[in-house]
């Protein structure tokens, strides 16, 4: 894989990861959302979230990531690019642990290591495009 191809892929993955973290931050501001709430309460929550800056920035990051991802897919095989999305799991787990204090237990760390190993194997396999 060419370095520029990897930059496109990694940019898409990072934008997607940032989008997830922003959506989490915005959703956390509303507290736990329960479907048992009344319809008016759900609408108020939905409208509040739709105007929350973190949610809006998260959705913008998703939109931009789609454009970047399309560029990446035009340059490399999907069988090479798609597994690279797994890097996002690693980034999100580490940043959720750091930013939100989420528990990342040893079993999750082991899973993260397996993901990293898999991404390295896929990246080293090259691309035929």
Protein backbone atom coordinates (compact mmCIF):
# COMPACT_ATOMS: atom_id res chain seq x y z
CA UNK A 1 0.00 0.00 0.00
CA UNK A 2 1.31 3.43 -0.89
CA UNK A 3 1.84 5.95 1.91
CA UNK A 4 -0.74 8.34 0.46
CA UNK A 5 -3.33 5.56 0.29
CA UNK A 6 -2.73 4.84 3.97
CA UNK A 7 -3.11 8.56 4.75
CA UNK A 8 -6.56 8.58 3.10
CA UNK A 9 -7.60 5.45 4.96
CA UNK A 10 -6.27 6.65 8.31
CA UNK A 11 -7.91 10.07 7.84
CA UNK A 12 -11.27 8.42 7.25
CA UNK A 13 -10.80 6.17 10.27
CA UNK A 14 -9.75 9.06 12.52
CA UNK A 15 -12.68 11.23 11.42
CA UNK A 16 -15.03 8.33 12.13
CA UNK A 17 -13.45 7.78 15.56
CA UNK A 18 -13.73 11.48 16.43
CA UNK A 19 -17.37 11.38 15.31
CA UNK A 20 -18.07 8.49 17.72
CA UNK A 21 -16.43 10.29 20.61
CA UNK A 22 -18.32 13.51 19.91
CA UNK A 23 -21.62 11.63 19.69
CA UNK A 24 -20.83 9.94 23.01
CA UNK A 25 -20.06 13.31 24.60
CA UNK A 26 -23.30 14.77 23.29
CA UNK A 27 -25.38 11.76 24.28
CA UNK A 28 -23.85 11.76 27.76
CA UNK A 29 -25.07 15.31 28.25
CA UNK A 30 -28.65 14.04 28.00
CA UNK A 31 -28.12 11.24 30.49
CA UNK A 32 -29.37 7.74 29.85
CA UNK A 33 -32.14 7.78 27.27
CA UNK A 34 -34.96 5.38 28.00
CA UNK A 35 -37.66 4.40 25.57
CA UNK A 36 -40.05 4.09 28.51
CA UNK A 37 -40.22 7.89 28.68
CA UNK A 38 -43.28 9.68 27.38
CA UNK A 39 -43.38 10.73 23.73
CA UNK A 40 -43.10 14.45 24.59
CA UNK A 41 -40.07 13.76 26.79
CA UNK A 42 -38.42 11.76 24.00
CA UNK A 43 -39.08 14.59 21.53
CA UNK A 44 -37.57 17.15 23.90
CA UNK A 45 -34.51 14.97 24.32
CA UNK A 46 -34.21 14.41 20.57
CA UNK A 47 -34.54 18.12 19.81
CA UNK A 48 -31.99 18.97 22.49
CA UNK A 49 -29.53 16.44 21.11
CA UNK A 50 -30.13 17.64 17.54
CA UNK A 51 -28.94 21.09 18.64
CA UNK A 52 -26.05 19.96 20.83
CA UNK A 53 -22.68 21.18 19.44
CA UNK A 54 -20.94 17.84 20.05
CA UNK A 55 -23.67 15.98 18.17
CA UNK A 56 -23.54 18.47 15.28
CA UNK A 57 -19.75 18.30 15.05
CA UNK A 58 -19.91 14.51 15.29
CA UNK A 59 -22.35 14.33 12.39
CA UNK A 60 -20.15 16.72 10.39
CA UNK A 61 -17.16 14.46 11.02
CA UNK A 62 -19.20 11.50 9.78
CA UNK A 63 -20.12 13.37 6.61
CA UNK A 64 -16.53 14.35 5.92
CA UNK A 65 -15.33 10.83 6.73
CA UNK A 66 -17.66 9.41 4.07
CA UNK A 67 -16.13 11.68 1.43
CA UNK A 68 -12.61 10.79 2.56
CA UNK A 69 -13.53 7.09 2.61
CA UNK A 70 -14.83 7.26 -0.97
CA UNK A 71 -11.48 8.72 -2.04
CA UNK A 72 -9.68 5.91 -0.17
CA UNK A 73 -11.86 3.25 -1.81
CA UNK A 74 -11.09 4.69 -5.22
CA UNK A 75 -7.40 4.06 -4.53
CA UNK A 76 -7.25 0.66 -2.81
CA UNK A 77 -9.11 -2.65 -2.70
CA UNK A 78 -12.06 -2.71 -0.33
CA UNK A 79 -10.69 -6.00 1.02
CA UNK A 80 -7.65 -4.02 2.18
CA UNK A 81 -9.37 -0.78 3.21
CA UNK A 82 -12.34 -2.15 5.16
CA UNK A 83 -10.32 -4.11 7.75
CA UNK A 84 -8.41 -0.89 8.45
CA UNK A 85 -11.60 0.47 10.01
CA UNK A 86 -10.69 -1.74 12.96
CA UNK A 87 -8.07 0.85 13.89
CA UNK A 88 -11.06 2.96 14.93
CA UNK A 89 -11.95 0.40 17.63
CA UNK A 90 -8.47 0.74 19.07
CA UNK A 91 -8.54 4.54 18.99
CA UNK A 92 -12.02 4.72 20.49
CA UNK A 93 -11.27 2.27 23.28
CA UNK A 94 -8.13 4.14 24.32
CA UNK A 95 -9.73 7.58 24.09
CA UNK A 96 -12.93 6.44 25.85
CA UNK A 97 -10.74 5.14 28.67
CA UNK A 98 -8.80 8.40 28.81
CA UNK A 99 -11.58 10.95 28.18
CA UNK A 100 -14.65 9.28 29.70
CA UNK A 101 -13.05 7.05 32.31
CA UNK A 102 -14.51 3.92 30.72
CA UNK A 103 -13.23 0.60 32.01
CA UNK A 104 -10.86 -1.14 29.63
CA UNK A 105 -10.17 -4.42 31.36
CA UNK A 106 -7.40 -6.91 30.47
CA UNK A 107 -9.69 -8.88 28.18
CA UNK A 108 -10.42 -5.72 26.15
CA UNK A 109 -6.70 -4.87 26.02
CA UNK A 110 -6.06 -8.36 24.67
CA UNK A 111 -8.76 -7.83 22.05
CA UNK A 112 -7.17 -4.50 21.11
CA UNK A 113 -3.83 -6.26 20.67
CA UNK A 114 -5.46 -8.89 18.42
CA UNK A 115 -7.06 -6.12 16.32
CA UNK A 116 -3.72 -4.35 15.93
CA UNK A 117 -2.06 -7.62 14.88
CA UNK A 118 -4.82 -8.25 12.35
CA UNK A 119 -4.55 -4.76 10.88
CA UNK A 120 -0.79 -5.17 10.52
CA UNK A 121 -1.28 -8.50 8.72
CA UNK A 122 -3.85 -7.02 6.35
CA UNK A 123 -1.75 -3.92 5.68
CA UNK A 124 1.30 -6.05 4.89
CA UNK A 125 -0.71 -8.12 2.42
CA UNK A 126 -0.56 -5.26 -0.05
CA UNK A 127 -3.04 -4.19 -2.68
CA UNK A 128 -3.50 -5.36 -6.25
CA UNK A 129 -5.06 -2.09 -7.44
